[in-house]
Amino acid sequence: MKNLNIILSSLTALLGLLVGIAPYTFAKVCKMASMHCHKVTAPTVLVFGILIFVISAAQAILLWKKR
């Protein structure tokens, strides 16, 4: 069961990175610099993606050490 939790935490960390880079790569936001989606949404998604990555990676490392 612990191995499954480690795998799921690692997968969530990778998905967090994908969420973070999404507005800048494959799910582009609008190109007008003055628009709300460009000024607010893209940086917010990046911050939340990094936050998801950090928390999930920390959880995977802690679970790995507890094995």
Protein backbone atom coordinates (compact mmCIF):
# COMPACT_ATOMS: atom_id res chain seq x y z
CA MET A 1 0.00 0.00 0.00
CA LYS A 2 2.85 2.40 0.78
CA ASN A 3 4.36 1.80 -2.66
CA LEU A 4 1.07 2.84 -4.23
CA ASN A 5 1.05 6.04 -2.18
CA ILE A 6 4.61 6.83 -3.26
CA ILE A 7 3.71 6.26 -6.90
CA LEU A 8 0.58 8.41 -6.66
CA SER A 9 2.46 11.23 -4.92
CA SER A 10 5.15 11.15 -7.59
CA LEU A 11 2.54 11.18 -10.33
CA THR A 12 0.81 14.12 -8.68
CA ALA A 13 4.13 15.98 -8.53
CA LEU A 14 4.63 15.46 -12.27
CA LEU A 15 1.09 16.60 -12.98
CA GLY A 16 1.72 19.69 -10.85
CA LEU A 17 4.61 20.58 -13.15
CA LEU A 18 2.38 20.10 -16.17
CA VAL A 19 -0.24 22.37 -14.63
CA GLY A 20 2.41 25.00 -13.93
CA ILE A 21 3.71 25.14 -17.48
CA ALA A 22 0.34 24.75 -19.20
CA PRO A 23 -0.47 28.45 -19.71
CA TYR A 24 2.93 29.01 -21.31
CA THR A 25 3.11 25.94 -23.58
CA PHE A 26 0.15 23.88 -24.76
CA ALA A 27 -2.79 25.83 -23.28
CA LYS A 28 -1.72 29.35 -24.16
CA VAL A 29 -3.37 32.37 -22.63
CA CYS A 30 -4.21 35.42 -24.69
CA LYS A 31 -1.29 37.43 -26.05
CA MET A 32 -2.46 40.90 -25.03
CA ALA A 33 -0.33 41.92 -22.06
CA SER A 34 -3.08 44.11 -20.62
CA MET A 35 -5.68 41.34 -20.44
CA HIS A 36 -6.62 39.71 -17.14
CA CYS A 37 -5.87 36.21 -18.44
CA HIS A 38 -2.31 37.23 -19.27
CA LYS A 39 -1.56 39.34 -16.18
CA VAL A 40 -3.29 37.33 -13.46
CA THR A 41 -4.39 33.89 -14.58
CA ALA A 42 -1.13 32.61 -16.08
CA PRO A 43 1.07 33.53 -13.07
CA THR A 44 -1.56 32.18 -10.65
CA VAL A 45 -1.70 28.84 -12.45
CA LEU A 46 2.11 28.73 -12.42
CA VAL A 47 2.25 29.36 -8.66
CA PHE A 48 -0.38 26.72 -7.92
CA GLY A 49 1.36 24.22 -10.19
CA ILE A 50 4.64 24.76 -8.36
CA LEU A 51 2.85 24.49 -5.02
CA ILE A 52 1.26 21.19 -6.05
CA PHE A 53 4.67 19.94 -7.19
CA VAL A 54 6.46 20.90 -3.98
CA ILE A 55 3.84 19.43 -1.65
CA SER A 56 3.53 16.20 -3.63
CA ALA A 57 7.28 15.77 -3.97
CA ALA A 58 7.75 16.35 -0.23
CA GLN A 59 5.05 13.80 0.53
CA ALA A 60 6.65 11.25 -1.82
CA ILE A 61 10.05 11.78 -0.18
CA LEU A 62 8.62 11.42 3.32
CA LEU A 63 6.76 8.24 2.34
CA TRP A 64 9.91 6.87 0.73
CA LYS A 65 11.93 7.48 3.91
CA LYS A 66 9.27 5.82 6.11
CA ARG A 67 9.35 2.56 4.13
